[in-house]
Protein backbone atom coordinates (compact mmCIF):
# COMPACT_ATOMS: atom_id res chain seq x y z
CA UNK A 1 -9.98 31.79 4.45
CA UNK A 2 -10.67 29.96 1.19
CA UNK A 3 -7.99 27.88 -0.48
CA UNK A 4 -7.51 28.42 -4.20
CA UNK A 5 -8.58 25.65 -6.50
CA UNK A 6 -6.23 24.06 -9.04
CA UNK A 7 -8.93 24.07 -11.70
CA UNK A 8 -10.20 20.57 -10.85
CA UNK A 9 -13.91 20.99 -10.06
CA UNK A 10 -13.58 18.82 -6.93
CA UNK A 11 -10.77 21.07 -5.68
CA UNK A 12 -13.11 24.02 -6.21
CA UNK A 13 -15.93 22.26 -4.38
CA UNK A 14 -13.76 21.45 -1.36
CA UNK A 15 -12.13 24.88 -1.23
CA UNK A 16 -15.52 26.55 -0.66
CA UNK A 17 -15.83 25.04 2.84
CA UNK A 18 -14.38 26.12 6.21
CA UNK A 19 -11.11 24.46 7.23
CA UNK A 20 -12.61 21.72 9.43
CA UNK A 21 -14.97 20.59 6.67
CA UNK A 22 -12.22 20.85 4.02
CA UNK A 23 -9.96 18.63 6.07
CA UNK A 24 -12.63 15.93 6.40
CA UNK A 25 -13.55 16.15 2.72
CA UNK A 26 -9.90 15.78 1.70
CA UNK A 27 -9.58 12.68 3.89
CA UNK A 28 -12.62 11.08 2.29
CA UNK A 29 -11.41 12.04 -1.18
CA UNK A 30 -7.96 10.57 -0.54
CA UNK A 31 -9.41 7.23 0.59
CA UNK A 32 -11.64 6.99 -2.47
CA UNK A 33 -8.81 7.88 -4.86
CA UNK A 34 -6.43 5.39 -3.21
CA UNK A 35 -9.05 2.65 -3.22
CA UNK A 36 -10.15 3.09 -6.81
CA UNK A 37 -7.55 5.17 -8.68
CA UNK A 38 -9.07 4.26 -12.04
CA UNK A 39 -12.37 5.98 -11.20
CA UNK A 40 -13.08 9.28 -12.91
CA UNK A 41 -13.44 12.14 -10.43
CA UNK A 42 -16.08 14.71 -11.33
CA UNK A 43 -18.97 16.75 -9.98
CA UNK A 44 -22.48 15.34 -10.34
CA UNK A 45 -25.63 16.52 -8.59
CA UNK A 46 -23.52 19.34 -7.12
CA UNK A 47 -21.10 17.08 -5.24
CA UNK A 48 -17.90 15.12 -5.84
CA UNK A 49 -18.63 11.89 -7.69
CA UNK A 50 -16.52 8.91 -8.74
CA UNK A 51 -17.43 6.96 -11.85
CA UNK A 52 -16.27 3.57 -13.10
CA UNK A 53 -18.68 1.93 -15.51
CA UNK A 54 -21.39 4.06 -13.93
CA UNK A 55 -21.74 6.24 -10.83
CA UNK A 56 -19.80 4.62 -7.99
CA UNK A 57 -19.86 6.87 -4.90
CA UNK A 58 -20.45 10.50 -3.95
CA UNK A 59 -19.67 12.63 -0.91
CA UNK A 60 -20.74 16.07 0.22
CA UNK A 61 -19.78 18.60 2.86
CA UNK A 62 -22.14 20.12 5.37
CA UNK A 63 -21.75 22.33 8.42
CA UNK A 64 -21.64 19.44 10.89
CA UNK A 65 -21.04 16.31 8.83
CA UNK A 66 -19.85 14.70 5.63
CA UNK A 67 -22.52 12.85 3.68
CA UNK A 68 -21.58 9.67 1.82
CA UNK A 69 -23.70 8.15 -0.94
CA UNK A 70 -24.75 5.50 -1.58
CA UNK A 71 -24.38 3.83 1.78
CA UNK A 72 -25.17 0.14 2.14
CA UNK A 73 -27.61 0.84 4.98
CA UNK A 74 -29.81 -2.18 4.29
CA UNK A 75 -27.02 -4.71 3.94
CA UNK A 76 -26.30 -7.01 6.86
CA UNK A 77 -22.53 -6.86 6.29
CA UNK A 78 -22.57 -3.14 7.15
CA UNK A 79 -25.28 -3.06 9.82
CA UNK A 80 -22.91 -3.10 12.80
CA UNK A 81 -20.38 -0.70 11.22
CA UNK A 82 -23.07 1.91 10.50
CA UNK A 83 -24.59 1.74 13.99
CA UNK A 84 -24.27 5.11 15.68
CA UNK A 85 -24.36 7.12 12.44
CA UNK A 86 -27.38 8.90 11.05
CA UNK A 87 -28.45 7.00 7.98
CA UNK A 88 -31.12 7.57 5.42
CA UNK A 89 -32.25 5.86 2.28
CA UNK A 90 -28.83 5.05 0.82
CA UNK A 91 -26.93 7.69 2.78
CA UNK A 92 -24.84 8.05 5.90
CA UNK A 93 -23.71 11.12 7.81
CA UNK A 94 -20.24 11.15 9.34
CA UNK A 95 -20.12 13.88 12.02
CA UNK A 96 -17.25 16.35 11.94
CA UNK A 97 -17.03 16.07 15.72
CA UNK A 98 -15.44 12.62 15.32
CA UNK A 99 -12.58 11.37 13.15
CA UNK A 100 -13.70 10.27 9.70
CA UNK A 101 -14.13 6.46 9.72
CA UNK A 102 -11.68 5.98 6.87
CA UNK A 103 -11.50 2.16 7.08
CA UNK A 104 -15.30 2.01 6.84
CA UNK A 105 -15.34 4.40 3.89
CA UNK A 106 -12.68 2.31 2.14
CA UNK A 107 -14.75 -0.82 2.80
CA UNK A 108 -17.88 0.78 1.35
CA UNK A 109 -16.01 1.95 -1.75
CA UNK A 110 -14.60 -1.56 -2.29
CA UNK A 111 -18.12 -2.94 -1.86
CA UNK A 112 -19.46 -0.74 -4.66
CA UNK A 113 -16.48 -1.46 -6.92
CA UNK A 114 -17.16 -5.18 -6.49
CA UNK A 115 -20.84 -4.66 -7.28
CA UNK A 116 -19.92 -2.87 -10.53
CA UNK A 117 -17.13 -5.12 -11.66
CA UNK A 118 -18.38 -8.44 -10.40
């Protein structure tokens, strides 16, 4: 059963998914908004995006995972934390079969904020 959107395009995006995916997407969204409340929330490339001076982070829902972009997959500081997740060129997949790694997501968001703001 779909949840009605409040008119915010990210609400509409999230509401289109089944309950288990919606729940995970809302958790990720909440962490991003708490970590960087000044970021503008929008839809870019068909997924929720957060913008400061430029694009900051994105996330997307899938049947079995939540994708997070960009992911610092080639940075030593995140190597251990990302072990066990499927990663790609600048992306990471968080499986729905496990709790969302919210502290890791918060850490990645802070990392990209720092990169943008110095």
